[in-house]
Amino acid sequence: MSHLLVDRADLNQALQTLKDGGLILYPTDTIWGIGCDATNEEAVEKVFALKGRDKSKSMIVLLHNDNQLASYVQEMPEVAYELIEYSTKPLTIVYSNAKNLPNNVTAEDGSIGIRVVTHPFCEQLLQRFRKPIVSTSANISGVASPTTFNEISQEILDGVDYVVQYEQDIVRNSKSSTVMKLDPSGKFEFIRK
């Protein structure tokens, strides 16, 4: 993980873009992502359009603190807090019943994938934005996910409203998060390891 200082102007521009309903291209605790206000249905539609993504596929949303989970999940399994706390790598948990999120963010069955991030830029952005942010890989659907900033296509770069400067020059061994489905009873299964 890099120890770059987060530039205030970079952070402010990303924040303003989210507030305006725009799309950002930003580094996360996994790979570079396309993000928007997860509570803004129109902004989420723009993400689907840019990626050419099937609307039946749900989005992952990011939070900066597990205290926020109860605002977006109807029945919080207690074990979720332990799984998040003790996970040694980025973990996205799919919860059964989402709430306070538009239908186009959630899966057809009402579930939602949420990841609590530990990443300098994401954490500060999420703390200041005070709402969940969509995170989906920075690629056109069907094309391999870029692992570095330099692998992001021009189509994606041109399709977002703001490209975050933070970590553009950093090359790290990035991969997608582990994904686990967790039902209200605490029973879980891995979807992606």
N, C-alpha and C. Protein backbone atom coordinates (compact mmCIF):
# COMPACT_ATOMS: atom_id res chain seq x y z
N MET A 1 0.85 -1.19 0.00
CA MET A 1 0.00 0.00 0.00
C MET A 1 0.89 1.24 0.00
N SER A 2 0.54 2.19 -0.82
CA SER A 2 1.37 3.39 -0.91
C SER A 2 1.09 4.32 0.27
N HIS A 3 2.03 5.19 0.51
CA HIS A 3 1.87 6.16 1.59
C HIS A 3 1.89 7.58 1.05
N LEU A 4 1.32 7.77 -0.13
CA LEU A 4 1.23 9.09 -0.73
C LEU A 4 0.26 9.95 0.08
N LEU A 5 0.55 11.22 0.14
CA LEU A 5 -0.39 12.13 0.77
C LEU A 5 -1.54 12.39 -0.20
N VAL A 6 -2.73 12.45 0.34
CA VAL A 6 -3.89 12.75 -0.50
C VAL A 6 -3.93 14.26 -0.72
N ASP A 7 -3.94 14.65 -1.99
CA ASP A 7 -3.98 16.06 -2.36
C ASP A 7 -5.40 16.59 -2.14
N ARG A 8 -5.51 17.67 -1.40
CA ARG A 8 -6.82 18.22 -1.05
C ARG A 8 -7.63 18.63 -2.29
N ALA A 9 -6.95 19.24 -3.27
CA ALA A 9 -7.65 19.68 -4.49
C ALA A 9 -8.20 18.48 -5.25
N ASP A 10 -7.41 17.40 -5.32
CA ASP A 10 -7.83 16.17 -5.99
C ASP A 10 -9.06 15.59 -5.29
N LEU A 11 -8.99 15.53 -3.97
CA LEU A 11 -10.09 15.02 -3.16
C LEU A 11 -11.34 15.89 -3.33
N ASN A 12 -11.17 17.20 -3.28
CA ASN A 12 -12.30 18.12 -3.41
C ASN A 12 -12.99 18.00 -4.77
N GLN A 13 -12.18 17.83 -5.83
CA GLN A 13 -12.76 17.72 -7.17
C GLN A 13 -13.56 16.42 -7.30
N ALA A 14 -13.02 15.32 -6.75
CA ALA A 14 -13.73 14.04 -6.78
C ALA A 14 -15.03 14.16 -5.99
N LEU A 15 -14.97 14.78 -4.85
CA LEU A 15 -16.13 14.97 -3.99
C LEU A 15 -17.22 15.79 -4.70
N GLN A 16 -16.81 16.88 -5.32
CA GLN A 16 -17.77 17.74 -6.02
C GLN A 16 -18.41 17.00 -7.19
N THR A 17 -17.61 16.20 -7.89
CA THR A 17 -18.14 15.42 -9.02
C THR A 17 -19.22 14.45 -8.54
N LEU A 18 -18.97 13.78 -7.41
CA LEU A 18 -19.97 12.87 -6.84
C LEU A 18 -21.24 13.62 -6.46
N LYS A 19 -21.07 14.76 -5.81
CA LYS A 19 -22.23 15.56 -5.38
C LYS A 19 -23.06 16.03 -6.58
N ASP A 20 -22.37 16.28 -7.71
CA ASP A 20 -23.04 16.76 -8.92
C ASP A 20 -23.67 15.63 -9.74
N GLY A 21 -23.56 14.38 -9.24
CA GLY A 21 -24.14 13.25 -9.96
C GLY A 21 -23.26 12.72 -11.07
N GLY A 22 -21.97 13.09 -11.03
CA GLY A 22 -21.04 12.66 -12.07
C GLY A 22 -20.33 11.36 -11.74
N LEU A 23 -19.50 10.92 -12.69
CA LEU A 23 -18.72 9.69 -12.53
C LEU A 23 -17.25 10.03 -12.29
N ILE A 24 -16.62 9.28 -11.39
CA ILE A 24 -15.20 9.45 -11.15
C ILE A 24 -14.48 8.14 -11.49
N LEU A 25 -13.21 8.28 -11.85
CA LEU A 25 -12.33 7.13 -12.03
C LEU A 25 -11.35 7.24 -10.88
N TYR A 26 -11.28 6.23 -10.02
CA TYR A 26 -10.50 6.38 -8.80
C TYR A 26 -9.85 5.08 -8.34
N PRO A 27 -8.73 5.19 -7.61
CA PRO A 27 -8.08 4.00 -7.08
C PRO A 27 -8.83 3.54 -5.84
N THR A 28 -8.90 2.23 -5.65
CA THR A 28 -9.54 1.68 -4.46
C THR A 28 -8.54 0.78 -3.74
N ASP A 29 -9.02 0.06 -2.74
CA ASP A 29 -8.16 -0.90 -2.04
C ASP A 29 -7.89 -2.14 -2.88
N THR A 30 -8.55 -2.24 -4.04
CA THR A 30 -8.30 -3.36 -4.95
C THR A 30 -7.78 -2.79 -6.27
N ILE A 31 -8.65 -2.66 -7.27
CA ILE A 31 -8.25 -2.15 -8.58
C ILE A 31 -8.88 -0.78 -8.81
N TRP A 32 -8.49 -0.11 -9.91
CA TRP A 32 -9.11 1.17 -10.26
C TRP A 32 -10.58 0.94 -10.55
N GLY A 33 -11.40 1.88 -10.09
CA GLY A 33 -12.83 1.71 -10.25
C GLY A 33 -13.52 2.93 -10.84
N ILE A 34 -14.69 2.69 -11.40
CA ILE A 34 -15.59 3.76 -11.81
C ILE A 34 -16.54 3.93 -10.64
N GLY A 35 -16.72 5.16 -10.18
CA GLY A 35 -17.56 5.40 -9.02
C GLY A 35 -18.57 6.50 -9.24
N CYS A 36 -19.62 6.45 -8.42
CA CYS A 36 -20.63 7.50 -8.40
C CYS A 36 -21.36 7.40 -7.07
N ASP A 37 -22.22 8.36 -6.82
CA ASP A 37 -23.07 8.34 -5.63
C ASP A 37 -24.00 7.13 -5.73
N ALA A 38 -23.84 6.17 -4.83
CA ALA A 38 -24.63 4.93 -4.89
C ALA A 38 -26.11 5.16 -4.59
N THR A 39 -26.47 6.34 -4.06
CA THR A 39 -27.87 6.62 -3.75
C THR A 39 -28.55 7.41 -4.88
N ASN A 40 -27.78 7.72 -5.94
CA ASN A 40 -28.29 8.52 -7.05
C ASN A 40 -28.57 7.61 -8.25
N GLU A 41 -29.85 7.31 -8.47
CA GLU A 41 -30.24 6.36 -9.51
C GLU A 41 -29.76 6.78 -10.89
N GLU A 42 -29.82 8.07 -11.20
CA GLU A 42 -29.39 8.55 -12.51
C GLU A 42 -27.89 8.40 -12.69
N ALA A 43 -27.13 8.66 -11.65
CA ALA A 43 -25.67 8.49 -11.72
C ALA A 43 -25.32 7.03 -11.95
N VAL A 44 -26.03 6.13 -11.28
CA VAL A 44 -25.78 4.70 -11.44
C VAL A 44 -26.08 4.28 -12.88
N GLU A 45 -27.14 4.84 -13.47
CA GLU A 45 -27.48 4.55 -14.87
C GLU A 45 -26.32 4.92 -15.79
N LYS A 46 -25.65 6.03 -15.49
CA LYS A 46 -24.50 6.47 -16.31
C LYS A 46 -23.38 5.43 -16.26
N VAL A 47 -23.19 4.79 -15.10
CA VAL A 47 -22.15 3.76 -14.97
C VAL A 47 -22.49 2.57 -15.87
N PHE A 48 -23.74 2.12 -15.83
CA PHE A 48 -24.17 1.00 -16.68
C PHE A 48 -23.96 1.35 -18.16
N ALA A 49 -24.32 2.57 -18.53
CA ALA A 49 -24.19 3.00 -19.93
C ALA A 49 -22.73 3.03 -20.36
N LEU A 50 -21.86 3.58 -19.53
CA LEU A 50 -20.43 3.68 -19.87
C LEU A 50 -19.81 2.29 -20.03
N LYS A 51 -20.13 1.39 -19.12
CA LYS A 51 -19.54 0.05 -19.16
C LYS A 51 -20.22 -0.88 -20.18
N GLY A 52 -21.43 -0.52 -20.62
CA GLY A 52 -22.20 -1.42 -21.46
C GLY A 52 -22.57 -2.66 -20.67
N ARG A 53 -22.85 -2.44 -19.39
CA ARG A 53 -23.07 -3.55 -18.46
C ARG A 53 -24.53 -3.98 -18.43
N ASP A 54 -24.75 -5.28 -18.32
CA ASP A 54 -26.09 -5.85 -18.22
C ASP A 54 -26.75 -5.32 -16.94
N LYS A 55 -27.94 -4.77 -17.09
CA LYS A 55 -28.60 -4.15 -15.93
C LYS A 55 -29.05 -5.14 -14.87
N SER A 56 -29.02 -6.44 -15.20
CA SER A 56 -29.39 -7.42 -14.18
C SER A 56 -28.24 -7.66 -13.20
N LYS A 57 -27.04 -7.15 -13.54
CA LYS A 57 -25.89 -7.32 -12.65
C LYS A 57 -25.87 -6.17 -11.65
N SER A 58 -25.72 -6.51 -10.39
CA SER A 58 -25.71 -5.46 -9.37
C SER A 58 -24.33 -4.82 -9.29
N MET A 59 -24.24 -3.73 -8.56
CA MET A 59 -22.99 -3.02 -8.35
C MET A 59 -22.49 -3.31 -6.93
N ILE A 60 -21.20 -3.09 -6.72
CA ILE A 60 -20.64 -3.14 -5.37
C ILE A 60 -20.61 -1.70 -4.87
N VAL A 61 -20.89 -1.50 -3.58
CA VAL A 61 -20.76 -0.17 -3.01
C VAL A 61 -19.72 -0.20 -1.90
N LEU A 62 -19.06 0.95 -1.73
CA LEU A 62 -18.02 1.08 -0.72
C LEU A 62 -18.48 1.96 0.43
N LEU A 63 -18.07 1.60 1.63
CA LEU A 63 -18.29 2.39 2.84
C LEU A 63 -16.93 2.54 3.53
N HIS A 64 -16.78 3.55 4.38
CA HIS A 64 -15.49 3.70 5.06
C HIS A 64 -15.51 3.14 6.48
N ASN A 65 -16.70 2.72 6.94
CA ASN A 65 -16.80 2.29 8.33
C ASN A 65 -17.93 1.27 8.46
N ASP A 66 -17.70 0.20 9.21
CA ASP A 66 -18.76 -0.81 9.34
C ASP A 66 -19.96 -0.32 10.14
N ASN A 67 -19.82 0.81 10.85
CA ASN A 67 -20.98 1.39 11.56
C ASN A 67 -22.07 1.82 10.58
N GLN A 68 -21.71 2.05 9.33
CA GLN A 68 -22.68 2.52 8.33
C GLN A 68 -23.52 1.38 7.74
N LEU A 69 -23.08 0.15 7.95
CA LEU A 69 -23.76 -0.99 7.32
C LEU A 69 -25.25 -1.06 7.64
N ALA A 70 -25.61 -0.82 8.88
CA ALA A 70 -27.02 -0.91 9.29
C ALA A 70 -27.92 0.08 8.55
N SER A 71 -27.33 1.12 7.96
CA SER A 71 -28.12 2.08 7.18
C SER A 71 -28.51 1.54 5.82
N TYR A 72 -27.81 0.49 5.36
CA TYR A 72 -28.04 0.00 4.00
C TYR A 72 -28.41 -1.48 3.93
N VAL A 73 -28.42 -2.16 5.09
CA VAL A 73 -28.77 -3.58 5.14
C VAL A 73 -29.88 -3.75 6.18
N GLN A 74 -30.99 -4.42 5.78
CA GLN A 74 -32.13 -4.56 6.69
C GLN A 74 -31.83 -5.44 7.89
N GLU A 75 -31.26 -6.61 7.65
CA GLU A 75 -30.95 -7.52 8.76
C GLU A 75 -29.45 -7.78 8.76
N MET A 76 -28.75 -7.17 9.72
CA MET A 76 -27.30 -7.29 9.78
C MET A 76 -26.90 -8.53 10.58
N PRO A 77 -26.30 -9.52 9.94
CA PRO A 77 -25.79 -10.67 10.69
C PRO A 77 -24.61 -10.20 11.55
N GLU A 78 -24.62 -10.51 12.81
CA GLU A 78 -23.55 -10.06 13.72
C GLU A 78 -22.17 -10.51 13.27
N VAL A 79 -22.12 -11.70 12.66
CA VAL A 79 -20.82 -12.24 12.25
C VAL A 79 -20.14 -11.35 11.20
N ALA A 80 -20.92 -10.52 10.49
CA ALA A 80 -20.34 -9.65 9.46
C ALA A 80 -19.25 -8.76 10.03
N TYR A 81 -19.48 -8.22 11.22
CA TYR A 81 -18.51 -7.30 11.82
C TYR A 81 -17.18 -8.01 12.08
N GLU A 82 -17.25 -9.26 12.52
CA GLU A 82 -16.03 -10.03 12.77
C GLU A 82 -15.32 -10.37 11.47
N LEU A 83 -16.10 -10.75 10.45
CA LEU A 83 -15.50 -11.08 9.16
C LEU A 83 -14.74 -9.88 8.60
N ILE A 84 -15.33 -8.70 8.70
CA ILE A 84 -14.69 -7.48 8.21
C ILE A 84 -13.44 -7.17 9.03
N GLU A 85 -13.56 -7.26 10.34
CA GLU A 85 -12.45 -6.91 11.22
C GLU A 85 -11.24 -7.82 11.02
N TYR A 86 -11.48 -9.11 10.83
CA TYR A 86 -10.37 -10.07 10.78
C TYR A 86 -9.92 -10.43 9.37
N SER A 87 -10.58 -9.90 8.36
CA SER A 87 -10.17 -10.19 6.99
C SER A 87 -8.82 -9.54 6.71
N THR A 88 -7.91 -10.31 6.12
CA THR A 88 -6.56 -9.78 5.85
C THR A 88 -6.46 -9.18 4.45
N LYS A 89 -7.48 -9.38 3.62
CA LYS A 89 -7.49 -8.75 2.30
C LYS A 89 -8.88 -8.20 2.02
N PRO A 90 -9.01 -7.34 1.02
CA PRO A 90 -10.31 -6.72 0.74
C PRO A 90 -11.43 -7.75 0.59
N LEU A 91 -12.51 -7.52 1.32
CA LEU A 91 -13.63 -8.45 1.38
C LEU A 91 -14.94 -7.73 1.06
N THR A 92 -15.60 -8.18 0.01
CA THR A 92 -16.93 -7.69 -0.33
C THR A 92 -17.93 -8.71 0.18
N ILE A 93 -18.88 -8.25 0.98
CA ILE A 93 -19.91 -9.15 1.50
C ILE A 93 -21.24 -8.80 0.83
N VAL A 94 -21.90 -9.85 0.31
CA VAL A 94 -23.21 -9.67 -0.30
C VAL A 94 -24.27 -9.96 0.77
N TYR A 95 -25.03 -8.92 1.10
CA TYR A 95 -26.07 -9.02 2.13
C TYR A 95 -27.43 -9.21 1.46
N SER A 96 -28.32 -9.94 2.13
CA SER A 96 -29.60 -10.32 1.52
C SER A 96 -30.54 -9.16 1.22
N ASN A 97 -30.78 -8.28 2.14
CA ASN A 97 -31.82 -7.27 1.95
C ASN A 97 -31.27 -5.86 2.08
N ALA A 98 -31.07 -5.23 0.92
CA ALA A 98 -30.58 -3.85 0.92
C ALA A 98 -31.70 -2.89 1.28
N LYS A 99 -31.33 -1.74 1.82
CA LYS A 99 -32.31 -0.67 2.05
C LYS A 99 -31.64 0.68 1.80
N ASN A 100 -32.45 1.69 1.55
CA ASN A 100 -31.97 3.05 1.31
C ASN A 100 -31.04 3.16 0.12
N LEU A 101 -31.19 2.25 -0.85
CA LEU A 101 -30.40 2.29 -2.09
C LEU A 101 -31.36 2.10 -3.26
N PRO A 102 -31.08 2.74 -4.40
CA PRO A 102 -31.97 2.57 -5.55
C PRO A 102 -31.92 1.14 -6.09
N ASN A 103 -32.99 0.73 -6.76
CA ASN A 103 -33.09 -0.63 -7.29
C ASN A 103 -31.98 -0.97 -8.28
N ASN A 104 -31.48 0.04 -9.02
CA ASN A 104 -30.48 -0.29 -10.04
C ASN A 104 -29.09 -0.55 -9.46
N VAL A 105 -28.91 -0.35 -8.16
CA VAL A 105 -27.65 -0.69 -7.51
C VAL A 105 -27.70 -2.12 -6.99
N THR A 106 -28.88 -2.54 -6.56
CA THR A 106 -29.02 -3.86 -5.94
C THR A 106 -29.27 -4.94 -7.00
N ALA A 107 -29.07 -6.18 -6.60
CA ALA A 107 -29.36 -7.31 -7.49
C ALA A 107 -30.88 -7.50 -7.57
N GLU A 108 -31.31 -8.31 -8.53
CA GLU A 108 -32.74 -8.53 -8.71
C GLU A 108 -33.40 -9.13 -7.48
N ASP A 109 -32.63 -9.87 -6.67
CA ASP A 109 -33.18 -10.47 -5.45
C ASP A 109 -33.12 -9.52 -4.24
N GLY A 110 -32.71 -8.27 -4.48
CA GLY A 110 -32.67 -7.29 -3.40
C GLY A 110 -31.39 -7.29 -2.59
N SER A 111 -30.43 -8.12 -3.00
CA SER A 111 -29.16 -8.18 -2.26
C SER A 111 -28.22 -7.06 -2.72
N ILE A 112 -27.20 -6.80 -1.91
CA ILE A 112 -26.22 -5.77 -2.23
C ILE A 112 -24.83 -6.19 -1.75
N GLY A 113 -23.84 -5.96 -2.58
CA GLY A 113 -22.45 -6.24 -2.22
C GLY A 113 -21.83 -4.97 -1.64
N ILE A 114 -21.30 -5.06 -0.43
CA ILE A 114 -20.71 -3.89 0.23
C ILE A 114 -19.30 -4.24 0.72
N ARG A 115 -18.37 -3.31 0.49
CA ARG A 115 -17.01 -3.48 1.01
C ARG A 115 -16.65 -2.27 1.86
N VAL A 116 -16.14 -2.55 3.06
CA VAL A 116 -15.62 -1.48 3.93
C VAL A 116 -14.15 -1.36 3.56
N VAL A 117 -13.76 -0.17 3.07
CA VAL A 117 -12.41 -0.01 2.52
C VAL A 117 -11.40 0.53 3.53
N THR A 118 -10.17 0.12 3.34
CA THR A 118 -9.04 0.73 4.03
C THR A 118 -8.07 1.15 2.94
N HIS A 119 -8.23 2.36 2.47
CA HIS A 119 -7.40 2.92 1.41
C HIS A 119 -7.39 4.42 1.63
N PRO A 120 -6.23 5.05 1.67
CA PRO A 120 -6.16 6.47 2.04
C PRO A 120 -7.11 7.39 1.28
N PHE A 121 -7.14 7.29 -0.04
CA PHE A 121 -7.99 8.18 -0.82
C PHE A 121 -9.47 7.84 -0.62
N CYS A 122 -9.80 6.56 -0.74
CA CYS A 122 -11.21 6.14 -0.60
C CYS A 122 -11.77 6.50 0.78
N GLU A 123 -11.00 6.22 1.80
CA GLU A 123 -11.49 6.50 3.16
C GLU A 123 -11.83 7.98 3.32
N GLN A 124 -10.92 8.85 2.89
CA GLN A 124 -11.16 10.28 3.05
C GLN A 124 -12.34 10.75 2.20
N LEU A 125 -12.43 10.23 0.98
CA LEU A 125 -13.54 10.59 0.10
C LEU A 125 -14.87 10.15 0.70
N LEU A 126 -14.93 8.92 1.17
CA LEU A 126 -16.16 8.40 1.76
C LEU A 126 -16.54 9.12 3.06
N GLN A 127 -15.55 9.44 3.87
CA GLN A 127 -15.82 10.17 5.13
C GLN A 127 -16.45 11.52 4.82
N ARG A 128 -15.92 12.20 3.83
CA ARG A 128 -16.43 13.54 3.50
C ARG A 128 -17.75 13.48 2.75
N PHE A 129 -17.93 12.45 1.91
CA PHE A 129 -19.15 12.34 1.12
C PHE A 129 -20.34 11.89 1.97
N ARG A 130 -20.07 11.06 2.96
CA ARG A 130 -21.08 10.57 3.92
C ARG A 130 -22.18 9.72 3.30
N LYS A 131 -21.90 9.16 2.13
CA LYS A 131 -22.83 8.24 1.47
C LYS A 131 -22.00 7.15 0.82
N PRO A 132 -22.61 6.01 0.51
CA PRO A 132 -21.84 4.97 -0.18
C PRO A 132 -21.52 5.39 -1.61
N ILE A 133 -20.41 4.86 -2.12
CA ILE A 133 -19.98 5.14 -3.49
C ILE A 133 -19.94 3.81 -4.24
N VAL A 134 -20.48 3.82 -5.46
CA VAL A 134 -20.39 2.64 -6.32
C VAL A 134 -18.93 2.40 -6.67
N SER A 135 -18.56 1.14 -6.74
CA SER A 135 -17.23 0.77 -7.23
C SER A 135 -17.39 -0.40 -8.18
N THR A 136 -17.06 -0.16 -9.44
CA THR A 136 -17.08 -1.23 -10.43
C THR A 136 -15.81 -1.10 -11.24
N SER A 137 -15.28 -2.21 -11.69
CA SER A 137 -13.99 -2.19 -12.39
C SER A 137 -14.01 -1.22 -13.57
N ALA A 138 -12.87 -0.59 -13.81
CA ALA A 138 -12.75 0.46 -14.83
C ALA A 138 -12.52 -0.15 -16.21
N ASN A 139 -13.53 -0.87 -16.68
CA ASN A 139 -13.44 -1.51 -17.99
C ASN A 139 -14.82 -1.58 -18.62
N ILE A 140 -14.82 -1.79 -19.93
CA ILE A 140 -16.06 -2.06 -20.64
C ILE A 140 -16.42 -3.52 -20.32
N SER A 141 -17.69 -3.81 -20.11
CA SER A 141 -18.10 -5.18 -19.77
C SER A 141 -17.59 -6.17 -20.82
N GLY A 142 -17.05 -7.28 -20.33
CA GLY A 142 -16.53 -8.30 -21.22
C GLY A 142 -15.05 -8.18 -21.50
N VAL A 143 -14.46 -7.02 -21.18
CA VAL A 143 -13.02 -6.79 -21.36
C VAL A 143 -12.36 -7.01 -20.00
N ALA A 144 -11.13 -7.52 -20.01
CA ALA A 144 -10.43 -7.79 -18.74
C ALA A 144 -10.30 -6.52 -17.89
N SER A 145 -10.42 -6.68 -16.57
CA SER A 145 -10.28 -5.55 -15.65
C SER A 145 -8.84 -5.07 -15.63
N PRO A 146 -8.60 -3.75 -15.72
CA PRO A 146 -7.24 -3.25 -15.67
C PRO A 146 -6.67 -3.38 -14.25
N THR A 147 -5.41 -3.79 -14.16
CA THR A 147 -4.79 -3.91 -12.84
C THR A 147 -3.96 -2.68 -12.50
N THR A 148 -3.66 -1.85 -13.51
CA THR A 148 -2.95 -0.59 -13.26
C THR A 148 -3.66 0.54 -14.00
N PHE A 149 -3.35 1.76 -13.62
CA PHE A 149 -3.98 2.92 -14.27
C PHE A 149 -3.69 2.92 -15.77
N ASN A 150 -2.46 2.56 -16.16
CA ASN A 150 -2.06 2.60 -17.57
C ASN A 150 -2.82 1.63 -18.46
N GLU A 151 -3.48 0.66 -17.87
CA GLU A 151 -4.25 -0.32 -18.65
C GLU A 151 -5.69 0.12 -18.89
N ILE A 152 -6.10 1.25 -18.33
CA ILE A 152 -7.49 1.71 -18.49
C ILE A 152 -7.68 2.28 -19.89
N SER A 153 -8.75 1.85 -20.55
CA SER A 153 -8.99 2.26 -21.94
C SER A 153 -9.35 3.74 -22.06
N GLN A 154 -9.06 4.29 -23.23
CA GLN A 154 -9.39 5.69 -23.50
C GLN A 154 -10.89 5.92 -23.41
N GLU A 155 -11.66 4.93 -23.80
CA GLU A 155 -13.12 5.03 -23.76
C GLU A 155 -13.60 5.29 -22.32
N ILE A 156 -13.00 4.60 -21.36
CA ILE A 156 -13.36 4.81 -19.95
C ILE A 156 -12.87 6.17 -19.48
N LEU A 157 -11.61 6.50 -19.80
CA LEU A 157 -11.05 7.80 -19.39
C LEU A 157 -11.91 8.95 -19.91
N ASP A 158 -12.37 8.84 -21.15
CA ASP A 158 -13.19 9.90 -21.75
C ASP A 158 -14.62 9.90 -21.22
N GLY A 159 -15.06 8.75 -20.69
CA GLY A 159 -16.46 8.61 -20.29
C GLY A 159 -16.78 9.06 -18.88
N VAL A 160 -15.74 9.33 -18.07
CA VAL A 160 -15.99 9.79 -16.69
C VAL A 160 -15.86 11.31 -16.62
N ASP A 161 -16.37 11.88 -15.54
CA ASP A 161 -16.34 13.34 -15.38
C ASP A 161 -15.07 13.82 -14.67
N TYR A 162 -14.44 12.94 -13.89
CA TYR A 162 -13.20 13.32 -13.23
C TYR A 162 -12.31 12.09 -13.03
N VAL A 163 -11.02 12.25 -13.35
CA VAL A 163 -10.04 11.19 -13.15
C VAL A 163 -9.16 11.60 -11.97
N VAL A 164 -9.21 10.82 -10.91
CA VAL A 164 -8.43 11.10 -9.70
C VAL A 164 -6.93 10.97 -10.02
N GLN A 165 -6.14 11.89 -9.49
CA GLN A 165 -4.69 11.90 -9.72
C GLN A 165 -3.95 10.92 -8.81
N TYR A 166 -4.50 10.69 -7.62
CA TYR A 166 -3.85 9.88 -6.59
C TYR A 166 -3.51 8.48 -7.11
N GLU A 167 -2.30 8.05 -6.93
CA GLU A 167 -1.81 6.70 -7.26
C GLU A 167 -1.79 6.35 -8.74
N GLN A 168 -1.89 7.31 -9.63
CA GLN A 168 -1.83 6.98 -11.06
C GLN A 168 -0.50 6.34 -11.44
N ASP A 169 0.58 6.76 -10.78
CA ASP A 169 1.92 6.26 -11.12
C ASP A 169 2.32 5.03 -10.32
N ILE A 170 1.47 4.61 -9.41
CA ILE A 170 1.80 3.46 -8.56
C ILE A 170 1.40 2.17 -9.27
N VAL A 171 2.33 1.24 -9.33
CA VAL A 171 2.01 -0.08 -9.87
C VAL A 171 2.07 -1.05 -8.70
N ARG A 172 0.92 -1.62 -8.38
CA ARG A 172 0.89 -2.61 -7.31
C ARG A 172 0.18 -3.85 -7.80
N ASN A 173 0.37 -4.92 -7.12
CA ASN A 173 -0.24 -6.19 -7.53
C ASN A 173 -1.72 -6.17 -7.14
N SER A 174 -2.52 -5.52 -7.95
CA SER A 174 -3.93 -5.33 -7.63
C SER A 174 -4.78 -6.45 -8.18
N LYS A 175 -5.75 -6.87 -7.38
CA LYS A 175 -6.75 -7.80 -7.87
C LYS A 175 -8.08 -7.51 -7.20
N SER A 176 -9.11 -8.08 -7.77
CA SER A 176 -10.46 -7.87 -7.24
C SER A 176 -10.56 -8.44 -5.83
N SER A 177 -11.56 -7.97 -5.10
CA SER A 177 -11.76 -8.43 -3.72
C SER A 177 -12.32 -9.85 -3.67
N THR A 178 -12.19 -10.46 -2.51
CA THR A 178 -12.88 -11.71 -2.21
C THR A 178 -14.36 -11.34 -2.06
N VAL A 179 -15.25 -12.16 -2.59
CA VAL A 179 -16.69 -11.89 -2.47
C VAL A 179 -17.34 -13.06 -1.75
N MET A 180 -18.11 -12.71 -0.71
CA MET A 180 -18.78 -13.71 0.12
C MET A 180 -20.25 -13.34 0.24
N LYS A 181 -21.13 -14.33 0.09
CA LYS A 181 -22.57 -14.10 0.31
C LYS A 181 -22.89 -14.50 1.74
N LEU A 182 -23.56 -13.61 2.45
CA LEU A 182 -23.86 -13.82 3.86
C LEU A 182 -25.35 -13.61 4.09
N ASP A 183 -26.03 -14.66 4.58
CA ASP A 183 -27.46 -14.45 4.81
C ASP A 183 -27.71 -14.02 6.27
N PRO A 184 -28.91 -13.52 6.57
CA PRO A 184 -29.18 -12.97 7.91
C PRO A 184 -28.89 -13.94 9.06
N SER A 185 -28.95 -15.24 8.78
CA SER A 185 -28.70 -16.22 9.85
C SER A 185 -27.21 -16.35 10.16
N GLY A 186 -26.38 -15.78 9.28
CA GLY A 186 -24.93 -15.90 9.49
C GLY A 186 -24.31 -16.96 8.60
N LYS A 187 -25.11 -17.71 7.85
CA LYS A 187 -24.57 -18.71 6.95
C LYS A 187 -23.91 -17.99 5.76
N PHE A 188 -22.73 -18.44 5.35
CA PHE A 188 -22.07 -17.76 4.23
C PHE A 188 -21.45 -18.74 3.25
N GLU A 189 -21.25 -18.23 2.02
CA GLU A 189 -20.56 -19.01 0.98
C GLU A 189 -19.69 -18.04 0.18
N PHE A 190 -18.55 -18.54 -0.32
CA PHE A 190 -17.67 -17.70 -1.14
C PHE A 190 -18.16 -17.71 -2.57
N ILE A 191 -18.26 -16.53 -3.16
CA ILE A 191 -18.63 -16.38 -4.57
C ILE A 191 -17.36 -16.22 -5.40
N ARG A 192 -16.39 -15.47 -4.86
CA ARG A 192 -15.11 -15.28 -5.53
C ARG A 192 -14.03 -15.22 -4.47
N LYS A 193 -13.04 -16.10 -4.58
CA LYS A 193 -11.94 -16.12 -3.60
C LYS A 193 -10.73 -15.38 -4.11
